[in-house]
Amino acid sequence: MQRVFDNCYAMDRRCYAEYGLTEDILMEHAAEGMAVYIREYFSEGSTLLIVAGMGNNGADGIVLARLLHARYDVRLVLPFGVKSAMARLQLERAQKIGVVPADRIDTGEKSVDLLVDALFGAGLNRELDQESQAIVAQMNQIEAFKIACDISTGISESGEIVPVAFRADLTITMGALKESLYLDEAKAYTGVITCVELGVDRSLYEMQSDTFVLEQEDMHLPTRRSKVTHKGSFGHAVLFCGEKEGASVIAGSAALRFGAGLTTLVVREHVLVPPFLMTATSVPETATALAIGMGMGDFFGREFIRNSILQSSVPLLLDADSFYSRELLSVLEQPDRPLVLTPHPKEFASLWEITMGEALSVTEIQKHRFALVRKFSERYPQAVLLLKGANMLIAHQKKVWINPLGSSRLSKGGSGDVLSGLIVGLLAQGYRAKEAAITASLALAEATRQYEGSSYSMLPTDLVEAVGRLELSEKES
């Protein structure tokens, strides 16, 4: 996993004060980081269009133009001229080796291999003016591989689109990863995100952080290594089967597929389930993890919930309809109970109103995802909150982990039930709540990536099957 920060200003200042580096040195390394990528993936002579702003992000683009000028067909556009001292200095240097800037993008431009956006970097705190919006729109219409320098123009410091943004295939961000790259609204504009170092190793540049972005290497599968085991060695996952029993069947199948030794659905009436799932009318004494909420509706009364859930100390996952039940959410007051909560934004709005006493819209939640999950984690430090979205956020004890690996293939009913099943399956096997949420979320994303069908065709059952192959693919890699 990698650290994520609000911004890099303090780390830049430390480079100046403690390491004796200068703004000029950091800028050279930023541009060289972009140049390294371009040299590796684009042949000499390729046409490179750099659109640079008047400040220091634009200066990064001007340095890039100088670095690649001799071996590439470099076209530098400065639609606003240059303003900062560094931008003026870098332009002077570039012009001395023959870089000739233009003041506008050629409207007839058809032959660009690579387009670099260096208009505005991180820290944008205002809406783009009409001229800037028009330039971004023009850049988006050009057919080329697109790189954002630091962050796509039009993504604000808080991760909002203001009101248009450059659509990058790749974002090369400078020094360290920023939170604004990982809000849901920004995901359509960042492309692949990578980070370049600025004059010192990243371990020396970065400071402490309580926010992290997850990588596939952070997934720890429930691989079975012991040769002397039985089904009881791997726990007993118990899921409550409500009005829409299909949701619990999907989740139960995922729990069993992800290693739970036994999986039981608690039912109140006869339900047709696959032969590998068991049913019961009460919670078995051997249960090692519980899950409730998927397709629950109003199926279980207060007394049943109180006896089966609230009077238990077994690790618990809450999902879906759980977040509309004050009775169920009272479990948050149990300080030592291992808990995982997996709401989507609308469900989180209900959870927030019941627990925090404040009404929030989905729009407000999406705009302030990081702040809200941190605040919830402060209020309920024993619980692990997984807020679903284009980038899942996992919060626990004031720390936040970002899973950016999901895709639109998951935008289909039942995907969340698979996630719930994966988590309760790991809880049943003895995983701690945070580790269960992290590994299950990564497994869901990796299973999605391995699906070979059309982008629109993946079923929850396809996901469950793909989870069963993750260990094999991990060995192959």
Protein backbone atom coordinates (compact mmCIF):
# COMPACT_ATOMS: atom_id res chain seq x y z
CA MET A 1 0.00 0.00 0.00
CA GLN A 2 1.07 3.58 -0.58
CA ARG A 3 0.54 6.69 1.53
CA VAL A 4 -1.91 9.36 0.41
CA PHE A 5 -1.89 13.04 1.43
CA ASP A 6 -4.12 16.11 1.29
CA ASN A 7 -1.34 17.97 -0.52
CA CYS A 8 2.45 18.08 -0.85
CA TYR A 9 3.24 21.62 0.29
CA ALA A 10 4.78 20.67 3.65
CA MET A 11 6.87 17.94 2.02
CA ASP A 12 8.17 20.33 -0.63
CA ARG A 13 9.14 22.80 2.10
CA ARG A 14 11.02 20.09 3.95
CA CYS A 15 13.00 19.35 0.79
CA TYR A 16 14.07 23.00 0.69
CA ALA A 17 14.76 23.41 4.41
CA GLU A 18 16.27 20.04 5.36
CA TYR A 19 17.71 18.60 2.15
CA GLY A 20 18.99 21.77 0.52
CA LEU A 21 17.00 21.15 -2.63
CA THR A 22 15.46 23.95 -4.65
CA GLU A 23 12.20 24.43 -6.49
CA ASP A 24 14.22 24.20 -9.71
CA ILE A 25 15.62 20.76 -8.76
CA LEU A 26 12.19 19.39 -7.84
CA MET A 27 10.81 20.67 -11.13
CA GLU A 28 13.55 18.98 -13.15
CA HIS A 29 12.80 15.66 -11.46
CA ALA A 30 9.06 16.06 -12.01
CA ALA A 31 9.55 16.61 -15.73
CA GLU A 32 12.16 13.88 -16.01
CA GLY A 33 9.68 11.45 -14.43
CA MET A 34 7.24 12.19 -17.24
CA ALA A 35 10.02 12.04 -19.84
CA VAL A 36 11.10 8.58 -18.67
CA TYR A 37 7.60 7.23 -19.33
CA ILE A 38 7.38 8.89 -22.73
CA ARG A 39 10.80 7.62 -23.84
CA GLU A 40 9.83 4.09 -22.83
CA TYR A 41 6.44 3.94 -24.54
CA PHE A 42 6.69 6.38 -27.47
CA SER A 43 9.24 6.08 -30.26
CA GLU A 44 11.52 8.94 -31.24
CA GLY A 45 9.90 11.32 -33.67
CA SER A 46 6.44 10.94 -32.12
CA THR A 47 4.39 14.12 -32.01
CA LEU A 48 4.02 15.52 -28.52
CA LEU A 49 1.60 18.36 -27.75
CA ILE A 50 2.11 20.01 -24.34
CA VAL A 51 -0.50 22.50 -23.16
CA ALA A 52 1.03 24.41 -20.25
CA GLY A 53 -0.37 26.96 -17.83
CA MET A 54 1.19 30.16 -16.53
CA GLY A 55 2.22 28.81 -13.10
CA ASN A 56 4.49 26.08 -11.80
CA ASN A 57 2.45 23.20 -13.22
CA GLY A 58 2.91 24.86 -16.57
CA ALA A 59 6.61 25.16 -15.81
CA ASP A 60 6.76 21.36 -15.40
CA GLY A 61 5.32 21.09 -18.91
CA ILE A 62 7.85 23.58 -20.29
CA VAL A 63 10.74 21.59 -18.78
CA LEU A 64 9.30 18.45 -20.38
CA ALA A 65 9.28 20.22 -23.74
CA ARG A 66 12.97 21.08 -23.30
CA LEU A 67 13.92 17.54 -22.27
CA LEU A 68 12.25 15.92 -25.29
CA HIS A 69 12.76 18.63 -27.93
CA ALA A 70 15.71 17.07 -29.78
CA ARG A 71 14.24 13.61 -30.32
CA TYR A 72 10.49 14.27 -30.50
CA ASP A 73 8.25 16.57 -32.50
CA VAL A 74 7.43 18.78 -29.53
CA ARG A 75 4.67 21.38 -29.79
CA LEU A 76 4.36 23.64 -26.75
CA VAL A 77 1.21 25.73 -26.28
CA LEU A 78 1.03 28.50 -23.66
CA PRO A 79 -2.55 29.79 -23.93
CA PHE A 80 -2.13 32.20 -20.98
CA GLY A 81 1.55 33.00 -21.38
CA VAL A 82 3.76 32.57 -18.31
CA LYS A 83 3.46 34.29 -14.95
CA SER A 84 5.41 32.57 -12.15
CA ALA A 85 9.14 33.17 -11.83
CA MET A 86 9.87 29.49 -12.47
CA ALA A 87 7.66 29.39 -15.55
CA ARG A 88 9.48 32.42 -16.99
CA LEU A 89 12.88 30.86 -16.24
CA GLN A 90 11.94 27.52 -17.78
CA LEU A 91 10.53 29.16 -20.89
CA GLU A 92 13.76 31.12 -21.34
CA ARG A 93 15.77 27.89 -21.11
CA ALA A 94 13.48 26.05 -23.53
CA GLN A 95 13.62 28.83 -26.09
CA LYS A 96 17.43 28.80 -26.03
CA ILE A 97 17.47 25.24 -27.41
CA GLY A 98 14.89 26.01 -30.07
CA VAL A 99 11.48 25.38 -28.49
CA VAL A 100 9.02 27.81 -30.09
CA PRO A 101 5.78 28.13 -28.11
CA ALA A 102 2.37 28.87 -29.60
CA ASP A 103 -0.42 30.72 -27.87
CA ARG A 104 -3.26 28.45 -28.94
CA ILE A 105 -3.97 24.86 -29.94
CA ASP A 106 -4.11 24.42 -33.69
CA THR A 107 -7.77 23.69 -34.38
CA GLY A 108 -6.76 21.52 -37.31
CA GLU A 109 -4.48 19.35 -35.16
CA LYS A 110 -4.95 15.74 -36.26
CA SER A 111 -1.55 14.09 -36.00
CA VAL A 112 -0.78 14.14 -32.28
CA ASP A 113 0.53 10.93 -30.73
CA LEU A 114 0.65 12.22 -27.17
CA LEU A 115 -1.08 15.11 -25.40
CA VAL A 116 0.16 16.38 -22.02
CA ASP A 117 -2.09 18.53 -19.83
CA ALA A 118 0.04 20.88 -17.69
CA LEU A 119 -2.47 23.71 -17.34
CA PHE A 120 -3.35 23.50 -13.63
CA GLY A 121 -1.88 21.14 -11.05
CA ALA A 122 -3.03 20.04 -7.61
CA GLY A 123 -4.52 22.70 -5.36
CA LEU A 124 -7.12 24.16 -7.74
CA ASN A 125 -9.71 25.81 -5.48
CA ARG A 126 -11.95 27.63 -7.92
CA GLU A 127 -14.13 26.93 -10.91
CA LEU A 128 -12.41 27.10 -14.29
CA ASP A 129 -13.23 30.24 -16.25
CA GLN A 130 -14.89 30.03 -19.66
CA GLU A 131 -11.62 30.27 -21.58
CA SER A 132 -10.04 27.45 -19.57
CA GLN A 133 -13.15 25.31 -20.01
CA ALA A 134 -12.98 25.80 -23.76
CA ILE A 135 -9.31 24.78 -23.84
CA VAL A 136 -10.02 21.64 -21.80
CA ALA A 137 -12.91 20.77 -24.11
CA GLN A 138 -10.64 21.21 -27.12
CA MET A 139 -7.97 18.99 -25.53
CA ASN A 140 -10.51 16.28 -24.79
CA GLN A 141 -11.56 16.20 -28.45
CA ILE A 142 -8.04 15.53 -29.74
CA GLU A 143 -7.41 11.86 -30.48
CA ALA A 144 -4.16 10.99 -28.72
CA PHE A 145 -2.84 9.20 -25.67
CA LYS A 146 -3.39 11.70 -22.86
CA ILE A 147 -1.21 12.35 -19.81
CA ALA A 148 -2.12 14.65 -16.92
CA CYS A 149 0.82 16.37 -15.24
CA ASP A 150 0.21 16.01 -11.48
CA ILE A 151 -3.60 15.99 -11.80
CA SER A 152 -6.10 16.55 -14.60
CA THR A 153 -7.03 20.20 -15.12
CA GLY A 154 -10.52 20.73 -13.74
CA ILE A 155 -10.22 18.42 -10.72
CA SER A 156 -10.32 20.65 -7.66
CA GLU A 157 -8.37 20.26 -4.44
CA SER A 158 -11.41 18.52 -2.96
CA GLY A 159 -11.73 16.12 -5.90
CA GLU A 160 -14.71 17.80 -7.58
CA ILE A 161 -15.03 18.55 -11.30
CA VAL A 162 -15.21 22.34 -11.74
CA PRO A 163 -17.17 21.98 -14.00
CA VAL A 164 -15.23 20.17 -16.76
CA ALA A 165 -11.96 18.25 -16.58
CA PHE A 166 -9.27 16.82 -18.81
CA ARG A 167 -9.79 13.11 -19.45
CA ALA A 168 -6.40 11.47 -18.95
CA ASP A 169 -5.35 7.96 -19.80
CA LEU A 170 -2.51 8.33 -17.32
CA THR A 171 -1.91 10.71 -14.43
CA ILE A 172 1.73 11.22 -13.44
CA THR A 173 1.50 12.91 -10.06
CA MET A 174 4.45 14.60 -8.39
CA GLY A 175 6.13 13.59 -5.14
CA ALA A 176 3.24 11.77 -3.46
CA LEU A 177 -0.33 10.63 -4.06
CA LYS A 178 -3.13 13.10 -3.28
CA GLU A 179 -6.63 12.44 -1.92
CA SER A 180 -8.21 14.50 -4.69
CA LEU A 181 -7.18 11.81 -7.18
CA TYR A 182 -9.36 9.24 -5.44
CA LEU A 183 -12.81 10.76 -5.01
CA ASP A 184 -15.44 8.96 -7.07
CA GLU A 185 -16.14 11.95 -9.30
CA ALA A 186 -12.48 12.19 -10.31
CA LYS A 187 -12.08 8.54 -11.34
CA ALA A 188 -13.35 9.07 -14.88
CA TYR A 189 -10.64 11.68 -15.47
CA THR A 190 -7.48 10.29 -13.88
CA GLY A 191 -6.84 7.09 -15.81
CA VAL A 192 -3.99 5.04 -14.38
CA ILE A 193 -2.25 6.89 -11.54
CA THR A 194 1.49 6.75 -10.98
CA CYS A 195 3.87 8.84 -8.88
CA VAL A 196 7.35 10.19 -9.62
CA GLU A 197 10.04 11.12 -7.10
CA LEU A 198 11.31 14.67 -6.63
CA GLY A 199 15.04 14.65 -6.01
CA VAL A 200 15.03 12.24 -3.07
CA ASP A 201 13.74 8.74 -2.49
CA ARG A 202 10.03 8.71 -1.80
CA SER A 203 10.65 7.36 1.72
CA LEU A 204 12.58 10.56 2.49
CA TYR A 205 10.10 12.86 0.77
CA GLU A 206 6.89 11.58 2.37
CA MET A 207 5.73 12.35 5.90
CA GLN A 208 3.33 10.42 8.13
CA SER A 209 -0.16 9.78 6.85
CA ASP A 210 -3.31 8.03 8.05
CA THR A 211 -4.58 7.46 4.51
CA PHE A 212 -3.38 4.71 2.19
CA VAL A 213 -4.14 3.40 -1.28
CA LEU A 214 -4.37 -0.37 -1.51
CA GLU A 215 -2.60 -2.49 -4.08
CA GLN A 216 -3.16 -6.08 -5.18
CA GLU A 217 -0.23 -7.16 -2.97
CA ASP A 218 -2.29 -6.18 0.09
CA MET A 219 -4.72 -9.04 -0.58
CA HIS A 220 -4.05 -12.01 1.72
CA LEU A 221 -6.02 -14.99 0.49
CA PRO A 222 -7.20 -17.69 2.94
CA THR A 223 -4.74 -20.20 1.47
CA ARG A 224 -4.84 -23.56 3.24
CA ARG A 225 -1.37 -24.73 4.18
CA SER A 226 -1.98 -27.23 6.97
CA LYS A 227 -2.42 -30.86 5.89
CA VAL A 228 -4.36 -31.92 8.98
CA THR A 229 -7.69 -30.07 9.06
CA HIS A 230 -11.44 -30.57 8.93
CA LYS A 231 -14.36 -28.33 8.03
CA GLY A 232 -14.54 -26.97 11.56
CA SER A 233 -10.99 -25.67 11.17
CA PHE A 234 -12.23 -22.96 8.82
CA GLY A 235 -15.14 -21.54 10.73
CA HIS A 236 -18.89 -21.37 10.32
CA ALA A 237 -20.40 -18.40 8.48
CA VAL A 238 -24.06 -17.72 9.27
CA LEU A 239 -26.16 -15.40 7.11
CA PHE A 240 -29.71 -14.25 7.78
CA CYS A 241 -31.97 -14.95 4.83
CA GLY A 242 -34.71 -12.31 4.50
CA GLU A 243 -37.49 -11.38 2.08
CA LYS A 244 -35.23 -11.52 -1.01
CA GLU A 245 -33.54 -14.82 -0.38
CA GLY A 246 -31.45 -14.60 -3.55
CA ALA A 247 -29.21 -11.99 -1.92
CA SER A 248 -28.35 -14.33 0.97
CA VAL A 249 -27.84 -17.28 -1.36
CA ILE A 250 -25.33 -15.24 -3.38
CA ALA A 251 -23.56 -14.05 -0.24
CA GLY A 252 -23.55 -17.53 1.28
CA SER A 253 -22.10 -19.01 -1.89
CA ALA A 254 -19.35 -16.38 -1.85
CA ALA A 255 -18.55 -17.11 1.82
CA LEU A 256 -18.21 -20.82 1.16
CA ARG A 257 -16.20 -20.24 -2.02
CA PHE A 258 -13.81 -17.99 -0.08
CA GLY A 259 -12.90 -20.67 2.40
CA ALA A 260 -15.51 -20.84 5.16
CA GLY A 261 -15.71 -24.44 6.37
CA LEU A 262 -19.48 -24.28 6.79
CA THR A 263 -22.11 -21.80 5.66
CA THR A 264 -25.65 -21.69 7.00
CA LEU A 265 -28.59 -19.50 6.05
CA VAL A 266 -30.94 -18.67 8.93
CA VAL A 267 -34.49 -18.86 7.53
CA ARG A 268 -38.02 -18.57 8.88
CA GLU A 269 -39.64 -20.67 6.17
CA HIS A 270 -38.55 -23.23 3.61
CA VAL A 271 -36.17 -21.76 1.05
CA LEU A 272 -34.70 -23.57 -1.93
CA VAL A 273 -30.92 -23.23 -1.71
CA PRO A 274 -27.96 -24.89 -3.43
CA PRO A 275 -27.06 -28.23 -1.83
CA PHE A 276 -23.75 -26.92 -0.49
CA LEU A 277 -25.53 -24.36 1.73
CA MET A 278 -27.24 -25.39 4.95
CA THR A 279 -30.36 -23.85 6.49
CA ALA A 280 -31.49 -23.43 10.07
CA THR A 281 -34.22 -21.52 11.89
CA SER A 282 -31.84 -20.23 14.57
CA VAL A 283 -28.18 -19.39 14.82
CA PRO A 284 -26.08 -22.55 15.20
CA GLU A 285 -23.93 -22.66 18.35
CA THR A 286 -20.86 -23.25 16.18
CA ALA A 287 -21.23 -19.90 14.34
CA THR A 288 -17.97 -17.96 14.12
CA ALA A 289 -19.30 -15.00 12.11
CA LEU A 290 -22.72 -13.52 11.29
CA ALA A 291 -24.02 -11.40 8.41
CA ILE A 292 -27.36 -9.67 8.12
CA GLY A 293 -29.07 -7.13 5.90
CA MET A 294 -28.76 -8.52 2.36
CA GLY A 295 -32.34 -8.67 1.05
CA MET A 296 -33.58 -8.57 4.66
CA GLY A 297 -36.56 -6.25 4.34
CA ASP A 298 -38.79 -6.43 7.45
CA PHE A 299 -38.42 -10.18 7.70
CA PHE A 300 -36.94 -10.44 11.20
CA GLY A 301 -38.72 -9.00 14.22
CA ARG A 302 -37.13 -7.07 17.06
CA GLU A 303 -37.14 -9.97 19.50
CA PHE A 304 -35.50 -12.27 16.97
CA ILE A 305 -32.82 -9.65 16.20
CA ARG A 306 -32.25 -9.01 19.89
CA ASN A 307 -31.83 -12.71 20.73
CA SER A 308 -29.86 -13.70 17.64
CA ILE A 309 -27.70 -10.63 17.00
CA LEU A 310 -27.58 -8.17 19.86
CA GLN A 311 -27.04 -10.72 22.63
CA SER A 312 -24.21 -12.36 20.71
CA SER A 313 -20.53 -11.41 20.69
CA VAL A 314 -19.71 -13.20 17.42
CA PRO A 315 -18.08 -11.03 14.70
CA LEU A 316 -20.81 -9.37 12.63
CA LEU A 317 -21.22 -7.89 9.17
CA LEU A 318 -24.02 -5.40 8.55
CA ASP A 319 -25.15 -4.65 5.00
CA ALA A 320 -28.03 -3.20 2.96
CA ASP A 321 -31.30 -3.07 4.93
CA SER A 322 -29.40 -3.13 8.23
CA PHE A 323 -28.71 0.57 7.84
CA TYR A 324 -32.40 1.44 8.13
CA SER A 325 -32.85 -0.47 11.41
CA ARG A 326 -32.25 1.40 14.67
CA GLU A 327 -32.50 -1.91 16.47
CA LEU A 328 -29.66 -3.48 14.50
CA LEU A 329 -27.50 -0.36 14.55
CA SER A 330 -27.56 -0.35 18.35
CA VAL A 331 -24.89 -3.06 18.04
CA LEU A 332 -22.49 -0.17 17.42
CA GLU A 333 -22.65 0.55 21.13
CA GLN A 334 -20.97 -2.79 21.89
CA PRO A 335 -17.36 -1.64 22.34
CA ASP A 336 -15.67 -5.03 21.93
CA ARG A 337 -17.76 -6.51 19.12
CA PRO A 338 -15.86 -7.03 15.83
CA LEU A 339 -18.01 -5.23 13.26
CA VAL A 340 -17.87 -4.55 9.52
CA LEU A 341 -20.40 -2.21 7.87
CA THR A 342 -20.70 -2.11 4.07
CA PRO A 343 -23.15 0.64 2.97
CA HIS A 344 -23.43 2.25 -0.43
CA PRO A 345 -23.89 6.06 -0.34
CA LYS A 346 -27.69 6.01 -0.01
CA GLU A 347 -27.50 3.46 2.81
CA PHE A 348 -24.75 5.50 4.42
CA ALA A 349 -27.10 8.49 4.47
CA SER A 350 -29.54 6.48 6.60
CA LEU A 351 -26.73 5.10 8.78
CA TRP A 352 -25.42 8.63 9.33
CA GLU A 353 -28.82 10.06 10.24
CA ILE A 354 -29.57 7.29 12.74
CA THR A 355 -26.16 7.30 14.40
CA MET A 356 -25.04 10.91 14.05
CA GLY A 357 -28.42 12.67 14.06
CA GLU A 358 -27.77 14.61 10.85
CA ALA A 359 -29.48 14.33 7.47
CA LEU A 360 -27.13 14.20 4.47
CA SER A 361 -27.86 13.88 0.78
CA VAL A 362 -26.04 11.38 -1.42
CA THR A 363 -24.46 14.36 -3.21
CA GLU A 364 -23.06 15.68 0.08
CA ILE A 365 -21.76 12.23 0.98
CA GLN A 366 -19.98 11.82 -2.35
CA LYS A 367 -18.44 15.28 -2.05
CA HIS A 368 -17.10 14.67 1.47
CA ARG A 369 -16.44 10.92 1.48
CA PHE A 370 -13.06 11.09 3.19
CA ALA A 371 -14.13 13.50 5.91
CA LEU A 372 -17.33 11.59 6.67
CA VAL A 373 -15.78 8.14 6.99
CA ARG A 374 -13.11 9.61 9.26
CA LYS A 375 -15.73 11.25 11.45
CA PHE A 376 -17.74 8.02 11.66
CA SER A 377 -14.58 6.11 12.55
CA GLU A 378 -13.86 8.58 15.34
CA ARG A 379 -17.33 8.05 16.76
CA TYR A 380 -17.20 4.24 16.45
CA PRO A 381 -13.52 3.25 16.58
CA GLN A 382 -14.24 -0.45 17.06
CA ALA A 383 -16.19 -0.71 13.78
CA VAL A 384 -14.76 -1.11 10.29
CA LEU A 385 -16.67 0.97 7.75
CA LEU A 386 -16.48 0.09 4.06
CA LEU A 387 -18.18 2.80 2.02
CA LYS A 388 -18.90 1.44 -1.45
CA GLY A 389 -18.33 3.46 -4.59
CA ALA A 390 -16.12 3.73 -7.65
CA ASN A 391 -13.27 3.81 -5.12
CA MET A 392 -14.16 1.91 -1.96
CA LEU A 393 -13.10 3.57 1.30
CA ILE A 394 -12.33 1.46 4.36
CA ALA A 395 -12.12 3.36 7.66
CA HIS A 396 -11.00 2.06 11.03
CA GLN A 397 -9.62 3.85 14.08
CA LYS A 398 -9.24 7.14 12.19
CA LYS A 399 -7.28 5.58 9.34
CA VAL A 400 -8.57 5.24 5.77
CA TRP A 401 -7.65 2.71 3.08
CA ILE A 402 -8.65 3.34 -0.54
CA ASN A 403 -9.40 0.50 -2.93
CA PRO A 404 -9.24 2.09 -6.41
CA LEU A 405 -9.31 -1.18 -8.35
CA GLY A 406 -13.05 -1.63 -8.94
CA SER A 407 -14.74 -1.15 -12.29
CA SER A 408 -18.14 -0.44 -13.81
CA ARG A 409 -18.64 -4.18 -14.30
CA LEU A 410 -19.62 -4.27 -10.63
CA SER A 411 -22.55 -1.92 -11.26
CA LYS A 412 -25.09 -4.71 -11.15
CA GLY A 413 -27.39 -6.16 -8.51
CA GLY A 414 -25.74 -8.87 -6.45
CA SER A 415 -22.17 -7.56 -6.57
CA GLY A 416 -22.51 -6.11 -3.08
CA ASP A 417 -23.92 -9.43 -1.84
CA VAL A 418 -20.78 -11.16 -3.11
CA LEU A 419 -18.64 -8.65 -1.21
CA SER A 420 -20.62 -9.28 1.98
CA GLY A 421 -20.19 -13.01 1.56
CA LEU A 422 -16.45 -12.69 1.03
CA ILE A 423 -16.08 -10.60 4.19
CA VAL A 424 -18.17 -12.84 6.44
CA GLY A 425 -16.36 -15.87 5.03
CA LEU A 426 -13.04 -14.38 6.14
CA LEU A 427 -14.45 -13.29 9.52
CA ALA A 428 -15.61 -16.87 10.05
CA GLN A 429 -12.06 -18.08 9.42
CA GLY A 430 -10.63 -15.79 12.07
CA TYR A 431 -9.57 -12.74 10.07
CA ARG A 432 -9.68 -9.49 12.00
CA ALA A 433 -12.40 -7.14 10.80
CA LYS A 434 -10.12 -4.65 9.05
CA GLU A 435 -8.10 -7.35 7.29
CA ALA A 436 -11.29 -9.11 6.20
CA ALA A 437 -12.67 -5.91 4.65
CA ILE A 438 -9.39 -5.10 2.87
CA THR A 439 -8.76 -8.58 1.47
CA ALA A 440 -12.39 -9.13 0.45
CA SER A 441 -12.59 -5.78 -1.35
CA LEU A 442 -9.37 -6.52 -3.25
CA ALA A 443 -10.52 -10.06 -4.07
CA LEU A 444 -13.77 -8.66 -5.48
CA ALA A 445 -11.83 -6.22 -7.68
CA GLU A 446 -9.36 -8.87 -8.86
CA ALA A 447 -12.14 -11.35 -9.64
CA THR A 448 -13.83 -8.62 -11.67
CA ARG A 449 -10.63 -7.93 -13.59
CA GLN A 450 -10.21 -11.60 -14.45
CA TYR A 451 -13.72 -11.96 -15.85
CA GLU A 452 -13.36 -12.52 -19.60
CA GLY A 453 -16.88 -11.71 -20.77
CA SER A 454 -18.31 -8.44 -22.05
CA SER A 455 -18.15 -5.33 -19.89
CA TYR A 456 -21.91 -5.49 -19.32
CA SER A 457 -22.46 -9.22 -18.88
CA MET A 458 -20.88 -10.23 -15.57
CA LEU A 459 -23.22 -11.94 -13.10
CA PRO A 460 -22.71 -12.35 -9.35
CA THR A 461 -22.23 -16.06 -9.94
CA ASP A 462 -19.40 -15.24 -12.36
CA LEU A 463 -17.75 -13.27 -9.57
CA VAL A 464 -18.10 -16.13 -7.11
CA GLU A 465 -16.51 -18.53 -9.61
CA ALA A 466 -13.67 -16.10 -10.35
CA VAL A 467 -12.90 -15.80 -6.63
CA GLY A 468 -12.24 -19.52 -6.64
CA ARG A 469 -9.40 -19.02 -9.15
CA LEU A 470 -7.58 -16.17 -7.42
CA GLU A 471 -5.03 -18.41 -5.72
CA LEU A 472 -4.12 -20.01 -9.06
CA SER A 473 -3.66 -16.67 -10.80
CA GLU A 474 -1.56 -15.42 -7.87
CA LYS A 475 0.79 -18.40 -8.27
CA GLU A 476 1.03 -17.83 -12.03
CA SER A 477 2.05 -14.22 -11.55
